[in-house]
Amino acid sequence: MPRGTLEVLLVSAKGLENSDFLCNMDPYVILTCRTQDQKSSVAEGKGSDPEWNETFVFTISDGVANLDIKILDSDTGSSDDLVGEASIPLEPLFLEGSIPPTSYNVVKDSEYCGEIRVGLTFTLDAEASGYRGYSAEEETYGGWKESS
């Protein structure tokens, strides 16, 4: 598995099931990449079709296979309601380097309940790609240098 930086562009969602009966819901997103969690802003009053246009950065290490997304409805005075979830496999991203904003299905209790639009960019760590801080020329013509 590659090591590096994952940049997530959280664009929007559409067709979400409104969990508030009296008014538009106030959705937000929790993005989880293994043990790292990040939370978006609350799209107050945006209902079933919120827009965020926010960027999040995660450090990727060995064994990370998915980016997990939970959409919740922020409720005052009671616990937040789960709107739905999506899990995005990262293997295609590691091969391509970037995936433009794409819609992924949001599910709740194994049923489709909308879409979330996310763009992904992966940057490989310099150390992981074989960079050691010296040029190929130094590697070929030296080995070690005498200290002064």
C-alpha atoms as a PDB file:
ATOM      1  CA  MET A   1       0.000   0.000   0.000  1.00  0.00           C
ATOM      2  CA  PRO A   2       1.278   3.463  -0.785  1.00  0.00           C
ATOM      3  CA  ARG A   3       1.980   6.151   1.755  1.00  0.00           C
ATOM      4  CA  GLY A   4       1.188   9.762   1.143  1.00  0.00           C
ATOM      5  CA  THR A   5      -1.427  12.470   1.372  1.00  0.00           C
ATOM      6  CA  LEU A   6      -5.091  12.090   0.499  1.00  0.00           C
ATOM      7  CA  GLU A   7      -6.908  15.300  -0.386  1.00  0.00           C
ATOM      8  CA  VAL A   8     -10.696  15.042  -0.341  1.00  0.00           C
ATOM      9  CA  LEU A   9     -12.893  17.673  -1.978  1.00  0.00           C
ATOM     10  CA  LEU A  10     -16.366  17.353  -0.445  1.00  0.00           C
ATOM     11  CA  VAL A  11     -18.568  18.984  -3.057  1.00  0.00           C
ATOM     12  CA  SER A  12     -22.248  18.283  -2.391  1.00  0.00           C
ATOM     13  CA  ALA A  13     -24.998  15.736  -1.914  1.00  0.00           C
ATOM     14  CA  LYS A  14     -28.351  15.304  -3.589  1.00  0.00           C
ATOM     15  CA  GLY A  15     -31.521  13.363  -3.090  1.00  0.00           C
ATOM     16  CA  LEU A  16     -30.907  12.770   0.606  1.00  0.00           C
ATOM     17  CA  GLU A  17     -33.826  11.623   2.692  1.00  0.00           C
ATOM     18  CA  ASN A  18     -34.931  14.529   4.882  1.00  0.00           C
ATOM     19  CA  SER A  19     -34.893  13.365   8.501  1.00  0.00           C
ATOM     20  CA  ASP A  20     -36.546  16.543   9.827  1.00  0.00           C
ATOM     21  CA  PHE A  21     -40.329  16.550   9.516  1.00  0.00           C
ATOM     22  CA  LEU A  22     -41.038  20.207  10.240  1.00  0.00           C
ATOM     23  CA  CYS A  23     -38.150  21.916   8.454  1.00  0.00           C
ATOM     24  CA  ASN A  24     -35.162  21.354   6.216  1.00  0.00           C
ATOM     25  CA  MET A  25     -32.412  19.263   7.769  1.00  0.00           C
ATOM     26  CA  ASP A  26     -28.958  20.654   8.569  1.00  0.00           C
ATOM     27  CA  PRO A  27     -26.593  18.026   7.124  1.00  0.00           C
ATOM     28  CA  TYR A  28     -22.897  17.645   7.829  1.00  0.00           C
ATOM     29  CA  VAL A  29     -20.360  14.976   6.984  1.00  0.00           C
ATOM     30  CA  ILE A  30     -17.843  12.973   9.001  1.00  0.00           C
ATOM     31  CA  LEU A  31     -15.016  11.651   6.833  1.00  0.00           C
ATOM     32  CA  THR A  32     -13.019   8.721   8.229  1.00  0.00           C
ATOM     33  CA  CYS A  33      -9.784   7.371   6.870  1.00  0.00           C
ATOM     34  CA  ARG A  34      -8.753   4.498   9.170  1.00  0.00           C
ATOM     35  CA  THR A  35      -8.261   6.250  12.533  1.00  0.00           C
ATOM     36  CA  GLN A  36      -8.483   9.842  11.273  1.00  0.00           C
ATOM     37  CA  ASP A  37     -11.844  11.635  11.474  1.00  0.00           C
ATOM     38  CA  GLN A  38     -12.659  15.052  10.071  1.00  0.00           C
ATOM     39  CA  LYS A  39     -15.967  16.897  10.170  1.00  0.00           C
ATOM     40  CA  SER A  40     -17.415  19.281   7.602  1.00  0.00           C
ATOM     41  CA  SER A  41     -19.309  22.430   8.394  1.00  0.00           C
ATOM     42  CA  VAL A  42     -23.064  22.156   8.922  1.00  0.00           C
ATOM     43  CA  ALA A  43     -25.057  23.085   5.798  1.00  0.00           C
ATOM     44  CA  GLU A  44     -27.769  24.831   7.789  1.00  0.00           C
ATOM     45  CA  GLY A  45     -31.239  24.604   6.308  1.00  0.00           C
ATOM     46  CA  LYS A  46     -29.934  23.108   3.038  1.00  0.00           C
ATOM     47  CA  GLY A  47     -32.130  20.010   3.330  1.00  0.00           C
ATOM     48  CA  SER A  48     -31.774  17.162   0.837  1.00  0.00           C
ATOM     49  CA  ASP A  49     -29.350  18.900  -1.551  1.00  0.00           C
ATOM     50  CA  PRO A  50     -26.541  20.484   0.521  1.00  0.00           C
ATOM     51  CA  GLU A  51     -23.328  21.972  -0.848  1.00  0.00           C
ATOM     52  CA  TRP A  52     -20.079  22.214   1.100  1.00  0.00           C
ATOM     53  CA  ASN A  53     -17.150  22.718  -1.315  1.00  0.00           C
ATOM     54  CA  GLU A  54     -14.657  21.970   1.469  1.00  0.00           C
ATOM     55  CA  THR A  55     -11.254  20.286   1.287  1.00  0.00           C
ATOM     56  CA  PHE A  56      -9.869  17.825   3.832  1.00  0.00           C
ATOM     57  CA  VAL A  57      -6.369  16.315   4.033  1.00  0.00           C
ATOM     58  CA  PHE A  58      -5.511  12.893   5.448  1.00  0.00           C
ATOM     59  CA  THR A  59      -2.161  11.175   5.912  1.00  0.00           C
ATOM     60  CA  ILE A  60      -2.251   7.751   4.280  1.00  0.00           C
ATOM     61  CA  SER A  61      -0.185   4.870   5.617  1.00  0.00           C
ATOM     62  CA  ASP A  62      -0.068   1.166   4.879  1.00  0.00           C
ATOM     63  CA  GLY A  63      -3.335  -0.716   5.004  1.00  0.00           C
ATOM     64  CA  VAL A  64      -5.793   2.094   4.239  1.00  0.00           C
ATOM     65  CA  ALA A  65      -8.335   0.712   1.770  1.00  0.00           C
ATOM     66  CA  ASN A  66     -11.397   2.992   2.017  1.00  0.00           C
ATOM     67  CA  LEU A  67     -12.586   6.488   2.755  1.00  0.00           C
ATOM     68  CA  ASP A  68     -15.761   6.201   4.838  1.00  0.00           C
ATOM     69  CA  ILE A  69     -18.335   8.972   4.811  1.00  0.00           C
ATOM     70  CA  LYS A  70     -21.239   9.459   7.216  1.00  0.00           C
ATOM     71  CA  ILE A  71     -23.876  12.089   6.582  1.00  0.00           C
ATOM     72  CA  LEU A  72     -25.672  13.285   9.691  1.00  0.00           C
ATOM     73  CA  ASP A  73     -28.412  15.801  10.404  1.00  0.00           C
ATOM     74  CA  SER A  74     -27.447  18.291  13.113  1.00  0.00           C
ATOM     75  CA  ASP A  75     -30.253  18.497  15.662  1.00  0.00           C
ATOM     76  CA  THR A  76     -30.425  20.958  18.543  1.00  0.00           C
ATOM     77  CA  GLY A  77     -31.554  19.420  21.802  1.00  0.00           C
ATOM     78  CA  SER A  78     -31.332  15.796  20.651  1.00  0.00           C
ATOM     79  CA  SER A  79     -28.749  13.458  19.168  1.00  0.00           C
ATOM     80  CA  ASP A  80     -27.901  13.951  15.500  1.00  0.00           C
ATOM     81  CA  ASP A  81     -29.691  11.653  13.043  1.00  0.00           C
ATOM     82  CA  LEU A  82     -27.786   9.391  10.641  1.00  0.00           C
ATOM     83  CA  VAL A  83     -28.864  10.273   7.098  1.00  0.00           C
ATOM     84  CA  GLY A  84     -26.697   7.693   5.317  1.00  0.00           C
ATOM     85  CA  GLU A  85     -23.209   6.379   4.618  1.00  0.00           C
ATOM     86  CA  ALA A  86     -20.850   5.803   1.712  1.00  0.00           C
ATOM     87  CA  SER A  87     -17.577   3.904   1.490  1.00  0.00           C
ATOM     88  CA  ILE A  88     -15.163   4.834  -1.300  1.00  0.00           C
ATOM     89  CA  PRO A  89     -12.458   2.296  -2.254  1.00  0.00           C
ATOM     90  CA  LEU A  90      -9.072   4.010  -2.569  1.00  0.00           C
ATOM     91  CA  GLU A  91      -7.251   1.449  -4.749  1.00  0.00           C
ATOM     92  CA  PRO A  92      -8.319   3.121  -8.049  1.00  0.00           C
ATOM     93  CA  LEU A  93      -7.099   6.450  -6.644  1.00  0.00           C
ATOM     94  CA  PHE A  94      -3.666   4.998  -5.789  1.00  0.00           C
ATOM     95  CA  LEU A  95      -3.351   3.862  -9.421  1.00  0.00           C
ATOM     96  CA  GLU A  96      -4.687   7.052 -11.060  1.00  0.00           C
ATOM     97  CA  GLY A  97      -3.418   9.752  -8.672  1.00  0.00           C
ATOM     98  CA  SER A  98      -6.662  11.709  -8.826  1.00  0.00           C
ATOM     99  CA  ILE A  99     -10.362  11.161  -9.395  1.00  0.00           C
ATOM    100  CA  PRO A 100     -12.451  14.195 -10.409  1.00  0.00           C
ATOM    101  CA  PRO A 101     -15.624  14.925  -8.431  1.00  0.00           C
ATOM    102  CA  THR A 102     -17.728  11.780  -8.740  1.00  0.00           C
ATOM    103  CA  SER A 103     -21.106  10.807  -7.277  1.00  0.00           C
ATOM    104  CA  TYR A 104     -21.193   7.868  -4.868  1.00  0.00           C
ATOM    105  CA  ASN A 105     -24.316   6.145  -3.577  1.00  0.00           C
ATOM    106  CA  VAL A 106     -25.365   6.905  -0.008  1.00  0.00           C
ATOM    107  CA  VAL A 107     -27.036   4.000   1.793  1.00  0.00           C
ATOM    108  CA  LYS A 108     -28.835   3.516   5.079  1.00  0.00           C
ATOM    109  CA  ASP A 109     -29.980   0.104   6.288  1.00  0.00           C
ATOM    110  CA  SER A 110     -28.800  -1.345   2.927  1.00  0.00           C
ATOM    111  CA  GLU A 111     -31.143   0.973   0.986  1.00  0.00           C
ATOM    112  CA  TYR A 112     -30.201   3.744  -1.458  1.00  0.00           C
ATOM    113  CA  CYS A 113     -30.946   7.171   0.022  1.00  0.00           C
ATOM    114  CA  GLY A 114     -29.132   9.699  -2.154  1.00  0.00           C
ATOM    115  CA  GLU A 115     -25.719  10.577  -3.572  1.00  0.00           C
ATOM    116  CA  ILE A 116     -22.627  12.380  -2.358  1.00  0.00           C
ATOM    117  CA  ARG A 117     -20.188  14.078  -4.730  1.00  0.00           C
ATOM    118  CA  VAL A 118     -16.513  13.850  -3.820  1.00  0.00           C
ATOM    119  CA  GLY A 119     -13.216  14.524  -5.619  1.00  0.00           C
ATOM    120  CA  LEU A 120     -10.011  12.755  -4.566  1.00  0.00           C
ATOM    121  CA  THR A 121      -6.300  13.447  -5.047  1.00  0.00           C
ATOM    122  CA  PHE A 122      -3.448  11.271  -3.801  1.00  0.00           C
ATOM    123  CA  THR A 123       0.148  12.487  -3.506  1.00  0.00           C
ATOM    124  CA  LEU A 124       2.819   9.857  -2.892  1.00  0.00           C
ATOM    125  CA  ASP A 125       5.348  10.568  -0.121  1.00  0.00           C
ATOM    126  CA  ALA A 126       8.800  11.415  -1.494  1.00  0.00           C
ATOM    127  CA  GLU A 127      10.405   8.719   0.700  1.00  0.00           C
ATOM    128  CA  ALA A 128       7.917   6.105  -0.448  1.00  0.00           C
ATOM    129  CA  SER A 129       8.730   6.749  -4.103  1.00  0.00           C
ATOM    130  CA  GLY A 130      12.422   6.011  -3.590  1.00  0.00           C
ATOM    131  CA  TYR A 131      13.675   9.572  -3.114  1.00  0.00           C
ATOM    132  CA  ARG A 132      16.580   9.590  -0.679  1.00  0.00           C
ATOM    133  CA  GLY A 133      17.762  13.185  -0.836  1.00  0.00           C
ATOM    134  CA  TYR A 134      20.608  12.709  -3.297  1.00  0.00           C
ATOM    135  CA  SER A 135      20.834  12.637  -7.051  1.00  0.00           C
ATOM    136  CA  ALA A 136      21.401   9.581  -9.227  1.00  0.00           C
ATOM    137  CA  GLU A 137      24.787  11.076 -10.199  1.00  0.00           C
ATOM    138  CA  GLU A 138      26.013  11.036  -6.584  1.00  0.00           C
ATOM    139  CA  GLU A 139      24.775   7.489  -6.196  1.00  0.00           C
ATOM    140  CA  THR A 140      26.668   6.348  -9.298  1.00  0.00           C
ATOM    141  CA  TYR A 141      29.993   8.107  -8.652  1.00  0.00           C
ATOM    142  CA  GLY A 142      30.567   7.870  -4.972  1.00  0.00           C
ATOM    143  CA  GLY A 143      29.129   5.805  -2.254  1.00  0.00           C
ATOM    144  CA  TRP A 144      30.561   7.634   0.706  1.00  0.00           C
ATOM    145  CA  LYS A 145      32.299  10.920   1.304  1.00  0.00           C
ATOM    146  CA  GLU A 146      35.244  11.499   3.589  1.00  0.00           C
ATOM    147  CA  SER A 147      34.415  13.784   6.485  1.00  0.00           C
ATOM    148  CA  SER A 148      36.622  16.823   7.000  1.00  0.00           C
END
